[in-house]
Amino acid sequence: METVSLQTEKLANYINGEWVEVNESTSVINPATGEEVVQVPLSEADSVEQAVAAAKKAQKEWALVPAPQRAEVLYQVGYIMKERKERLSQLLTMENGKVIEEARGEVQEGIDMAFYMAGEGRRLFGQTTPAELKDKFAMSQRCPVGVVGIITPWNFPIAIATWKSFPAIVAGNAVVWKPATETPIMAYELAKIFEEAGLPKGIINVVFGKGSTVGDAMVHHDDIRVISFTGSNDTGRNIAGECGKQLKKVSLEMGGKNAVIVMDDADIDLAVEGILWSAFGTSGQRCTACSRVIVHEKVKETLEERLLASMEKLTIGNGLDESNKVGPIINKAGLDKIKSYIEIGKNEGAKLLAGGYEITDGEQRAGNYFAPTLFTDATADMRIAQEEIFGPVVSLIPVKSFEEAIEVNNGVTYGLSSSIFTGDVNRVFKAQRDLDTGIVYVNAGTTGAEIHLPFGGTKGTGNGHRDSGVQALDVFTEWKAVYVDYSGKLQRAQIDVE
């Protein structure tokens, strides 16, 4: 593979169509090699002020552009992303660590989102409805909110950004975006693509920096009327509380403790494939990652044997090497958290079958690598079965029945994704009804969302809004009801109805 280069040593904010340098910066480290990739700005609150002022001014004109014309910019963004897919994918792997085939999949998700959401420029449907009075017309329509703030995580630095920014823009809003400090390169590249695609100045503004500085300034800015956040539950709750005080709209997508259910009639080999992909893809650093396997006791030993055999074949290393299937952990703090949960699991009485250690020798010694890990004989109330670990760690929980499996699946504070492997169609329909997650998979793993369906969860995973799908428009638009009375006289609703 001929690797790409970033062609800059230090990034800059993108405000009102201009690249604005910031004095203070910090290093972006390739988690696979420990090497610096680029310097990212650490902006102060004044950068947010500049970005919001630019966005507020530009949005007024943008909202008057017909939605099909706004959509044309997204089509161009999609075409450019398609042309640069390999470049973007390699840069994503360099800053994030995920293996190159996953990076390509993530970039493709952004491409798909561009074309899908551009199509909404010719829809953005409202409703017409009968009025209750004669000679009166009634309808509803979507209207832009104004300036929206999006705060995106490091684990999907371009996909989640497109889930949020594309619907906001096609709906007529302007965006102020704070990317994760660990993975700023995708934001830099996407801003350049927007510029090349012809997006007017001020409609997308990128401000790099810490959440405690840039994110906090966005949350408290009076002119930002929506915050869309993906990240940790603690931060999400704080954002929701602050936005509630200001009567701001807020969309939250947070954690998950997702489970794969393997019933006694399941195709075990297929289940193993689904578990491997869901648990160890992106090194388990996904909100949809499988970290629990709820297995019927009749097939528990068979599943363990085949899962262990398949785990031994996983190749771990730099994601730019096409042969590797598992990449590094994002940083040392992530490694330390994972290691702490290994000790928790042991102390709780779960049996460690594989992994459970940091890889510190060979080619991996310079990076942040953790061996894919399997616990068995876990119980549903253990911390390793209740709390989000965000690493390549999965726990097997044996159950005696389908009903118990559903109960265990639902017995966590999260509700993002769930999966069941079974050949029984009756169980399939009961599972999709009774599993209390926003996403349900049948005979597949817990991850692999498609952009034309709503993405999000229940309970502690979020606050009811959804990313992607047409439902993504809901948080970035307000509903307006319009009545046209052409009777030539005053008609009073409810009162003058015959």
Protein backbone atom coordinates (compact mmCIF):
# COMPACT_ATOMS: atom_id res chain seq x y z
CA MET A 1 0.00 0.00 0.00
CA GLU A 2 1.29 3.45 -0.93
CA THR A 3 0.55 5.48 2.18
CA VAL A 4 -0.73 9.04 2.07
CA SER A 5 0.49 12.11 3.93
CA LEU A 6 -1.40 14.94 5.59
CA GLN A 7 0.71 17.71 4.02
CA THR A 8 0.56 19.90 7.12
CA GLU A 9 2.21 19.81 10.54
CA LYS A 10 -0.45 21.76 12.41
CA LEU A 11 -4.17 22.04 11.86
CA ALA A 12 -6.19 25.25 12.08
CA ASN A 13 -9.79 26.08 12.88
CA TYR A 14 -12.16 26.59 9.97
CA ILE A 15 -14.30 29.66 10.65
CA ASN A 16 -16.34 31.61 8.11
CA GLY A 17 -14.55 29.92 5.23
CA GLU A 18 -11.09 30.82 6.51
CA TRP A 19 -8.37 28.78 8.21
CA VAL A 20 -7.71 30.43 11.56
CA GLU A 21 -4.56 29.49 13.45
CA VAL A 22 -4.51 29.03 17.23
CA ASN A 23 -1.38 29.47 19.34
CA GLU A 24 -1.77 26.54 21.72
CA SER A 25 -1.84 23.00 20.39
CA THR A 26 -1.31 19.36 21.33
CA SER A 27 -0.10 16.25 19.56
CA VAL A 28 -2.32 13.78 17.74
CA ILE A 29 -0.72 10.36 18.27
CA ASN A 30 -1.08 7.36 15.98
CA PRO A 31 -2.18 4.69 18.51
CA ALA A 32 -0.62 1.96 16.38
CA THR A 33 2.90 3.40 16.42
CA GLY A 34 3.07 6.04 19.16
CA GLU A 35 4.22 8.57 16.59
CA GLU A 36 2.90 12.11 16.22
CA VAL A 37 0.69 12.57 13.18
CA VAL A 38 -0.13 16.28 13.47
CA GLN A 39 -0.64 19.11 15.95
CA VAL A 40 -4.24 20.02 16.75
CA PRO A 41 -5.30 23.43 18.12
CA LEU A 42 -6.52 23.85 21.68
CA SER A 43 -8.93 26.71 21.13
CA GLU A 44 -10.42 29.02 23.74
CA ALA A 45 -14.01 30.21 24.04
CA ASP A 46 -13.36 33.22 21.80
CA SER A 47 -13.00 30.86 18.83
CA VAL A 48 -16.50 29.57 19.53
CA GLU A 49 -17.76 33.16 19.60
CA GLN A 50 -16.25 33.81 16.19
CA ALA A 51 -17.66 30.60 14.76
CA VAL A 52 -21.16 31.20 16.09
CA ALA A 53 -21.20 34.79 14.82
CA ALA A 54 -20.21 33.59 11.36
CA ALA A 55 -22.75 30.77 11.44
CA LYS A 56 -25.58 33.03 12.60
CA LYS A 57 -24.95 35.54 9.83
CA ALA A 58 -24.57 32.92 7.09
CA GLN A 59 -27.57 30.85 8.14
CA LYS A 60 -30.10 33.55 7.36
CA GLU A 61 -29.16 33.51 3.67
CA TRP A 62 -28.71 29.74 3.57
CA ALA A 63 -32.23 29.16 4.86
CA LEU A 64 -33.57 31.11 1.85
CA VAL A 65 -31.77 28.87 -0.63
CA PRO A 66 -34.28 26.28 -1.96
CA ALA A 67 -33.68 22.92 -0.31
CA PRO A 68 -32.99 21.12 -3.63
CA GLN A 69 -30.19 23.61 -4.27
CA ARG A 70 -28.81 23.11 -0.77
CA ALA A 71 -28.83 19.39 -1.52
CA GLU A 72 -26.65 19.89 -4.59
CA VAL A 73 -23.75 20.76 -2.28
CA LEU A 74 -24.16 17.45 -0.46
CA TYR A 75 -24.15 15.59 -3.76
CA GLN A 76 -20.84 17.25 -4.59
CA VAL A 77 -19.50 16.37 -1.14
CA GLY A 78 -20.44 12.75 -1.79
CA TYR A 79 -18.71 12.69 -5.18
CA ILE A 80 -15.50 14.20 -3.74
CA MET A 81 -15.49 11.79 -0.81
CA LYS A 82 -15.90 8.92 -3.25
CA GLU A 83 -12.89 10.11 -5.26
CA ARG A 84 -10.80 10.45 -2.10
CA LYS A 85 -12.04 7.36 -0.31
CA GLU A 86 -8.66 5.66 -0.04
CA ARG A 87 -6.90 8.80 1.13
CA LEU A 88 -9.52 9.48 3.77
CA SER A 89 -9.47 5.85 4.89
CA GLN A 90 -5.73 5.78 5.41
CA LEU A 91 -5.73 9.07 7.29
CA LEU A 92 -8.55 7.77 9.46
CA THR A 93 -6.54 4.66 10.32
CA MET A 94 -3.49 6.79 11.13
CA GLU A 95 -5.34 8.94 13.66
CA ASN A 96 -7.84 6.40 15.01
CA GLY A 97 -6.08 3.04 14.66
CA LYS A 98 -8.93 0.97 13.25
CA VAL A 99 -7.92 -1.49 10.55
CA ILE A 100 -8.03 -0.22 7.00
CA GLU A 101 -11.00 -2.30 5.85
CA GLU A 102 -13.07 -0.83 8.68
CA ALA A 103 -11.83 2.67 7.85
CA ARG A 104 -12.95 2.19 4.26
CA GLY A 105 -16.33 1.05 5.51
CA GLU A 106 -16.64 4.14 7.68
CA VAL A 107 -15.77 6.49 4.84
CA GLN A 108 -18.29 4.68 2.66
CA GLU A 109 -20.88 5.33 5.34
CA GLY A 110 -20.19 9.03 5.02
CA ILE A 111 -20.49 8.81 1.23
CA ASP A 112 -23.80 6.99 1.56
CA MET A 113 -25.04 9.60 4.02
CA ALA A 114 -24.17 12.42 1.62
CA PHE A 115 -26.25 10.96 -1.20
CA TYR A 116 -29.09 9.85 1.06
CA MET A 117 -29.46 13.16 2.85
CA ALA A 118 -29.07 15.11 -0.39
CA GLY A 119 -32.20 13.28 -1.52
CA GLU A 120 -34.03 14.83 1.42
CA GLY A 121 -33.53 18.19 -0.25
CA ARG A 122 -36.38 17.21 -2.58
CA ARG A 123 -38.49 15.83 0.23
CA LEU A 124 -38.28 17.49 3.66
CA PHE A 125 -41.92 16.51 3.78
CA GLY A 126 -44.53 18.30 5.82
CA GLN A 127 -48.20 17.44 5.79
CA THR A 128 -51.37 18.87 4.38
CA THR A 129 -54.52 18.07 6.29
CA PRO A 130 -58.21 18.93 6.09
CA ALA A 131 -59.24 22.06 7.99
CA GLU A 132 -62.33 21.89 10.16
CA LEU A 133 -63.78 25.07 8.64
CA LYS A 134 -64.94 25.81 5.10
CA ASP A 135 -62.63 27.68 2.73
CA LYS A 136 -59.60 27.12 4.92
CA PHE A 137 -56.31 25.38 4.13
CA ALA A 138 -54.07 23.73 6.76
CA MET A 139 -50.55 22.34 6.53
CA SER A 140 -47.35 21.77 8.49
CA GLN A 141 -43.77 22.25 7.33
CA ARG A 142 -40.23 21.74 8.56
CA CYS A 143 -38.19 24.87 9.29
CA PRO A 144 -34.50 25.17 10.19
CA VAL A 145 -33.61 25.79 13.83
CA GLY A 146 -30.75 28.20 13.10
CA VAL A 147 -27.27 27.51 14.44
CA VAL A 148 -26.59 23.97 15.64
CA GLY A 149 -23.64 22.62 17.58
CA ILE A 150 -22.34 19.12 17.00
CA ILE A 151 -19.86 17.35 19.25
CA THR A 152 -18.44 14.13 17.80
CA PRO A 153 -16.35 11.27 19.25
CA TRP A 154 -13.03 9.75 18.23
CA ASN A 155 -14.20 6.22 17.44
CA PHE A 156 -16.14 7.13 14.25
CA PRO A 157 -14.66 10.52 13.38
CA ILE A 158 -16.21 10.87 9.93
CA ALA A 159 -19.32 8.67 9.95
CA ILE A 160 -20.93 10.26 13.01
CA ALA A 161 -19.94 13.72 11.80
CA THR A 162 -21.83 13.12 8.55
CA TRP A 163 -24.85 11.72 10.43
CA LYS A 164 -25.12 15.05 12.20
CA SER A 165 -23.83 17.73 9.83
CA PHE A 166 -25.49 16.58 6.59
CA PRO A 167 -29.12 16.64 7.83
CA ALA A 168 -28.47 19.91 9.65
CA ILE A 169 -27.13 21.55 6.49
CA VAL A 170 -29.74 20.27 4.04
CA ALA A 171 -32.45 21.46 6.45
CA GLY A 172 -31.12 25.02 6.20
CA ASN A 173 -29.04 25.33 9.37
CA ALA A 174 -25.46 26.43 9.95
CA VAL A 175 -23.10 24.23 11.97
CA VAL A 176 -20.44 24.74 14.61
CA TRP A 177 -18.56 21.47 15.03
CA LYS A 178 -16.21 20.34 17.79
CA PRO A 179 -14.46 17.12 16.76
CA ALA A 180 -12.66 14.87 19.23
CA THR A 181 -9.15 16.10 19.97
CA GLU A 182 -7.78 12.58 19.41
CA THR A 183 -9.08 12.42 15.82
CA PRO A 184 -9.22 15.87 14.21
CA ILE A 185 -7.93 14.97 10.75
CA MET A 186 -11.28 13.81 9.40
CA ALA A 187 -12.81 17.17 10.39
CA TYR A 188 -9.99 19.03 8.64
CA GLU A 189 -10.44 16.95 5.49
CA LEU A 190 -14.24 17.22 5.52
CA ALA A 191 -14.08 21.00 5.93
CA LYS A 192 -11.85 21.18 2.83
CA ILE A 193 -14.31 19.00 0.94
CA PHE A 194 -17.24 21.23 1.92
CA GLU A 195 -15.27 24.23 0.73
CA GLU A 196 -14.48 22.58 -2.60
CA ALA A 197 -18.11 21.50 -3.01
CA GLY A 198 -19.25 25.12 -2.86
CA LEU A 199 -20.80 25.37 0.59
CA PRO A 200 -21.12 29.08 1.42
CA LYS A 201 -18.80 30.54 4.01
CA GLY A 202 -20.01 30.24 7.58
CA ILE A 203 -22.34 27.28 7.09
CA ILE A 204 -19.79 24.79 8.46
CA ASN A 205 -17.34 25.93 11.12
CA VAL A 206 -14.83 23.64 12.82
CA VAL A 207 -13.40 24.57 16.21
CA PHE A 208 -10.79 22.22 17.66
CA GLY A 209 -10.21 21.97 21.39
CA LYS A 210 -11.11 20.38 24.68
CA GLY A 211 -14.65 19.58 25.66
CA SER A 212 -14.24 21.50 28.91
CA THR A 213 -13.42 24.64 26.91
CA VAL A 214 -14.88 24.49 23.40
CA GLY A 215 -17.72 22.10 24.17
CA ASP A 216 -18.72 24.03 27.27
CA ALA A 217 -18.75 27.33 25.36
CA MET A 218 -20.98 25.78 22.70
CA VAL A 219 -23.43 24.35 25.22
CA HIS A 220 -23.80 27.72 26.95
CA HIS A 221 -23.92 29.94 23.87
CA ASP A 222 -27.31 31.62 23.50
CA ASP A 223 -27.22 31.54 19.69
CA ILE A 224 -26.68 27.78 19.45
CA ARG A 225 -30.18 26.33 19.65
CA VAL A 226 -29.37 22.63 19.23
CA ILE A 227 -26.60 20.46 20.62
CA SER A 228 -26.12 17.03 19.05
CA PHE A 229 -23.66 14.96 21.08
CA THR A 230 -22.20 11.48 20.86
CA GLY A 231 -19.96 10.37 23.71
CA SER A 232 -19.91 9.28 27.32
CA ASN A 233 -22.96 9.09 29.56
CA ASP A 234 -21.53 11.40 32.21
CA THR A 235 -20.82 14.14 29.68
CA GLY A 236 -24.15 13.59 27.97
CA ARG A 237 -26.09 13.97 31.20
CA ASN A 238 -24.24 17.20 31.99
CA ILE A 239 -24.99 18.57 28.52
CA ALA A 240 -28.66 17.61 28.84
CA GLY A 241 -28.91 19.38 32.17
CA GLU A 242 -27.34 22.58 30.91
CA CYS A 243 -29.37 22.57 27.70
CA GLY A 244 -32.53 22.00 29.73
CA LYS A 245 -31.89 25.18 31.70
CA GLN A 246 -31.65 27.10 28.43
CA LEU A 247 -34.56 25.33 26.71
CA LYS A 248 -32.23 24.12 23.98
CA LYS A 249 -32.93 21.04 21.93
CA VAL A 250 -30.41 18.32 22.65
CA SER A 251 -29.77 14.98 20.97
CA LEU A 252 -27.71 12.42 22.88
CA GLU A 253 -26.22 9.12 21.70
CA MET A 254 -24.16 7.58 24.45
CA GLY A 255 -23.18 4.16 25.75
CA GLY A 256 -24.14 0.57 25.15
CA LYS A 257 -23.82 -2.83 26.80
CA ASN A 258 -24.88 -4.90 23.85
CA ALA A 259 -25.53 -8.61 23.85
CA VAL A 260 -25.59 -11.44 21.34
CA ILE A 261 -28.04 -14.17 22.31
CA VAL A 262 -27.13 -17.65 21.07
CA MET A 263 -29.99 -20.11 21.38
CA ASP A 264 -29.72 -23.90 21.42
CA ASP A 265 -30.90 -24.13 17.80
CA ALA A 266 -28.47 -21.49 16.49
CA ASP A 267 -25.98 -21.93 13.68
CA ILE A 268 -22.94 -21.90 15.98
CA ASP A 269 -20.37 -21.16 13.29
CA LEU A 270 -22.40 -18.19 12.10
CA ALA A 271 -22.81 -17.01 15.69
CA VAL A 272 -19.04 -17.17 16.20
CA GLU A 273 -18.48 -15.00 13.13
CA GLY A 274 -21.04 -12.49 14.39
CA ILE A 275 -19.49 -12.37 17.85
CA LEU A 276 -15.94 -11.93 16.53
CA TRP A 277 -16.95 -9.02 14.31
CA SER A 278 -19.11 -7.37 16.95
CA ALA A 279 -16.76 -7.83 19.91
CA PHE A 280 -13.35 -7.26 18.37
CA GLY A 281 -13.98 -5.00 15.37
CA THR A 282 -12.63 -1.50 16.13
CA SER A 283 -10.97 -3.30 19.07
CA GLY A 284 -14.33 -3.25 20.83
CA GLN A 285 -14.34 0.56 20.85
CA ARG A 286 -17.86 0.93 19.49
CA CYS A 287 -21.06 1.87 21.25
CA THR A 288 -22.62 -1.07 19.38
CA ALA A 289 -19.87 -3.54 20.30
CA CYS A 290 -20.92 -6.92 21.68
CA SER A 291 -19.55 -7.19 25.22
CA ARG A 292 -21.99 -9.88 26.42
CA VAL A 293 -22.83 -13.24 24.89
CA ILE A 294 -25.96 -14.74 26.40
CA VAL A 295 -25.71 -18.40 25.50
CA HIS A 296 -28.09 -21.29 26.10
CA GLU A 297 -26.43 -23.75 28.46
CA LYS A 298 -26.95 -26.63 25.99
CA VAL A 299 -24.53 -25.08 23.47
CA LYS A 300 -22.25 -23.16 25.83
CA GLU A 301 -19.26 -25.53 25.64
CA THR A 302 -19.48 -25.84 21.87
CA LEU A 303 -19.63 -22.08 21.45
CA GLU A 304 -16.67 -21.58 23.80
CA GLU A 305 -14.51 -24.06 21.92
CA ARG A 306 -15.23 -22.61 18.49
CA LEU A 307 -14.96 -19.03 19.69
CA LEU A 308 -11.56 -19.67 21.29
CA ALA A 309 -10.30 -21.39 18.15
CA SER A 310 -11.37 -18.42 16.01
CA MET A 311 -9.90 -15.86 18.42
CA GLU A 312 -6.50 -17.53 18.14
CA LYS A 313 -6.50 -16.72 14.42
CA LEU A 314 -7.07 -12.98 14.90
CA THR A 315 -4.09 -10.93 13.72
CA ILE A 316 -3.34 -7.84 15.78
CA GLY A 317 -1.32 -4.84 14.67
CA ASN A 318 -1.09 -1.63 12.66
CA GLY A 319 -4.35 -1.11 10.79
CA LEU A 320 -2.55 -0.03 7.62
CA ASP A 321 -1.39 -3.63 7.23
CA GLU A 322 -4.17 -5.30 5.26
CA SER A 323 -3.55 -8.63 7.01
CA ASN A 324 -4.43 -7.32 10.48
CA LYS A 325 -7.97 -7.71 11.80
CA VAL A 326 -7.65 -6.00 15.20
CA GLY A 327 -6.02 -2.62 15.72
CA PRO A 328 -4.87 -0.66 18.78
CA ILE A 329 -6.70 1.04 21.63
CA ILE A 330 -7.03 4.79 21.17
CA ASN A 331 -4.77 5.85 24.07
CA LYS A 332 -3.17 4.86 27.37
CA ALA A 333 -6.21 5.93 29.36
CA GLY A 334 -8.33 3.52 27.34
CA LEU A 335 -5.82 0.74 28.00
CA ASP A 336 -5.82 1.42 31.72
CA LYS A 337 -9.61 1.28 31.87
CA ILE A 338 -9.69 -2.07 30.07
CA LYS A 339 -7.00 -3.51 32.35
CA SER A 340 -8.94 -2.43 35.42
CA TYR A 341 -12.00 -4.33 34.21
CA ILE A 342 -9.95 -7.51 33.74
CA GLU A 343 -9.15 -7.43 37.44
CA ILE A 344 -12.76 -6.63 38.28
CA GLY A 345 -13.93 -9.65 36.29
CA LYS A 346 -11.46 -11.97 37.97
CA ASN A 347 -12.39 -10.71 41.43
CA GLU A 348 -16.08 -11.16 40.67
CA GLY A 349 -15.51 -14.82 39.89
CA ALA A 350 -15.73 -14.89 36.11
CA LYS A 351 -13.35 -17.35 34.42
CA LEU A 352 -10.78 -15.83 32.06
CA LEU A 353 -10.43 -18.10 29.02
CA ALA A 354 -8.33 -15.93 26.70
CA GLY A 355 -6.52 -12.61 26.55
CA GLY A 356 -6.73 -10.20 29.44
CA TYR A 357 -3.37 -8.52 28.89
CA GLU A 358 -1.71 -5.60 27.14
CA ILE A 359 0.61 -6.56 24.28
CA THR A 360 3.99 -4.97 24.95
CA ASP A 361 6.44 -6.87 22.76
CA GLY A 362 7.33 -7.17 19.09
CA GLU A 363 5.98 -4.69 16.57
CA GLN A 364 3.16 -3.79 18.95
CA ARG A 365 5.34 -2.49 21.78
CA ALA A 366 5.24 1.13 20.59
CA GLY A 367 1.44 1.21 20.27
CA ASN A 368 -1.59 0.64 22.49
CA TYR A 369 -2.57 -2.98 21.96
CA PHE A 370 -4.74 -5.25 24.07
CA ALA A 371 -5.32 -8.93 23.43
CA PRO A 372 -8.89 -9.96 22.53
CA THR A 373 -10.37 -11.23 25.78
CA LEU A 374 -12.99 -13.82 26.67
CA PHE A 375 -14.55 -14.38 30.08
CA THR A 376 -16.96 -17.23 30.73
CA ASP A 377 -19.31 -18.22 33.53
CA ALA A 378 -20.20 -14.60 34.13
CA THR A 379 -23.46 -13.71 35.80
CA ALA A 380 -25.83 -10.98 34.71
CA ASP A 381 -25.18 -8.84 37.79
CA MET A 382 -21.39 -8.69 37.50
CA ARG A 383 -19.86 -5.33 36.70
CA ILE A 384 -18.21 -6.75 33.58
CA ALA A 385 -21.75 -7.68 32.44
CA GLN A 386 -23.29 -4.33 33.39
CA GLU A 387 -20.75 -1.58 32.67
CA GLU A 388 -19.35 -0.39 29.36
CA ILE A 389 -15.69 -1.40 29.04
CA PHE A 390 -15.03 -0.02 25.52
CA GLY A 391 -12.41 -2.56 24.59
CA PRO A 392 -11.99 -6.07 23.12
CA VAL A 393 -13.56 -7.84 26.10
CA VAL A 394 -16.58 -10.13 25.94
CA SER A 395 -18.27 -12.15 28.68
CA LEU A 396 -20.28 -15.36 28.24
CA ILE A 397 -23.39 -15.57 30.39
CA PRO A 398 -25.13 -18.99 30.39
CA VAL A 399 -28.95 -19.15 30.54
CA LYS A 400 -31.51 -21.94 30.64
CA SER A 401 -34.22 -20.58 28.34
CA PHE A 402 -35.24 -18.04 25.72
CA GLU A 403 -37.22 -16.12 28.33
CA GLU A 404 -34.21 -15.89 30.62
CA ALA A 405 -32.07 -14.70 27.71
CA ILE A 406 -34.46 -11.83 27.01
CA GLU A 407 -34.53 -10.91 30.69
CA VAL A 408 -30.72 -10.85 30.92
CA ASN A 409 -30.42 -8.82 27.72
CA ASN A 410 -32.81 -6.20 29.07
CA GLY A 411 -31.28 -6.13 32.55
CA VAL A 412 -28.80 -3.32 31.92
CA THR A 413 -29.10 0.45 32.00
CA TYR A 414 -28.36 0.76 28.28
CA GLY A 415 -30.51 -0.05 25.27
CA LEU A 416 -28.64 0.42 22.02
CA SER A 417 -28.22 -2.85 20.10
CA SER A 418 -29.06 -6.52 20.59
CA SER A 419 -28.81 -9.69 18.55
CA ILE A 420 -30.25 -13.20 18.54
CA PHE A 421 -29.07 -16.28 16.68
CA THR A 422 -31.87 -18.79 16.26
CA GLY A 423 -33.63 -20.81 13.58
CA ASP A 424 -37.03 -20.52 15.24
CA VAL A 425 -39.22 -17.95 13.49
CA ASN A 426 -41.48 -17.68 16.52
CA ARG A 427 -38.52 -16.75 18.70
CA VAL A 428 -37.44 -14.22 16.08
CA PHE A 429 -40.71 -12.32 16.25
CA LYS A 430 -40.88 -12.50 20.03
CA ALA A 431 -37.30 -11.25 20.29
CA GLN A 432 -37.78 -8.28 17.99
CA ARG A 433 -40.83 -7.37 20.07
CA ASP A 434 -39.35 -7.93 23.54
CA LEU A 435 -35.71 -6.85 23.23
CA ASP A 436 -35.74 -3.29 24.58
CA THR A 437 -33.03 -1.84 22.35
CA GLY A 438 -33.17 0.69 19.54
CA ILE A 439 -31.56 -1.79 17.15
CA VAL A 440 -32.26 -5.53 16.90
CA TYR A 441 -30.34 -7.96 14.69
CA VAL A 442 -31.41 -11.49 13.82
CA ASN A 443 -28.67 -13.99 12.91
CA ALA A 444 -26.10 -11.19 12.71
CA GLY A 445 -23.91 -9.34 15.20
CA THR A 446 -24.77 -6.18 17.10
CA THR A 447 -23.13 -3.75 14.71
CA GLY A 448 -23.47 -2.69 11.09
CA ALA A 449 -26.12 0.03 10.98
CA GLU A 450 -27.30 1.32 7.60
CA ILE A 451 -27.71 5.05 7.11
CA HIS A 452 -31.32 5.02 5.85
CA LEU A 453 -32.59 3.63 9.16
CA PRO A 454 -32.66 5.52 12.49
CA PHE A 455 -29.66 4.95 14.74
CA GLY A 456 -29.97 5.26 18.50
CA GLY A 457 -31.16 3.53 21.62
CA THR A 458 -33.39 3.46 24.65
CA LYS A 459 -32.88 3.94 28.39
CA GLY A 460 -29.35 5.15 29.29
CA THR A 461 -28.16 5.10 25.68
CA GLY A 462 -29.79 8.38 24.75
CA ASN A 463 -32.72 10.75 25.09
CA GLY A 464 -34.98 9.50 22.32
CA HIS A 465 -33.54 11.23 19.26
CA ARG A 466 -31.95 9.36 16.39
CA ASP A 467 -28.95 9.86 14.13
CA SER A 468 -29.24 8.89 10.44
CA GLY A 469 -32.40 8.01 8.55
CA VAL A 470 -35.06 10.60 7.87
CA GLN A 471 -35.53 10.76 11.65
CA ALA A 472 -32.21 12.62 11.88
CA LEU A 473 -34.01 15.68 10.53
CA ASP A 474 -36.22 15.87 13.61
CA VAL A 475 -33.63 17.39 15.92
CA PHE A 476 -32.47 19.94 13.33
CA THR A 477 -35.90 21.24 12.36
CA GLU A 478 -38.90 22.85 14.00
CA TRP A 479 -42.47 22.19 12.94
CA LYS A 480 -44.54 25.14 11.78
CA ALA A 481 -48.32 24.90 11.34
CA VAL A 482 -49.73 27.17 8.60
CA TYR A 483 -53.41 28.08 8.11
CA VAL A 484 -54.73 29.96 5.08
CA ASP A 485 -58.31 31.19 5.41
CA TYR A 486 -59.71 32.19 2.02
CA SER A 487 -63.30 32.60 3.16
CA GLY A 488 -63.08 36.38 3.32
CA LYS A 489 -64.42 36.47 6.86
CA LEU A 490 -63.22 35.75 10.36
CA GLN A 491 -63.61 32.09 11.22
CA ARG A 492 -62.87 30.94 14.74
CA ALA A 493 -61.61 27.38 15.11
CA GLN A 494 -63.79 25.17 17.30
CA ILE A 495 -66.23 28.00 17.94
CA ASP A 496 -67.60 28.51 14.41
CA VAL A 497 -67.64 24.87 13.40
CA GLU A 498 -71.14 23.94 12.28
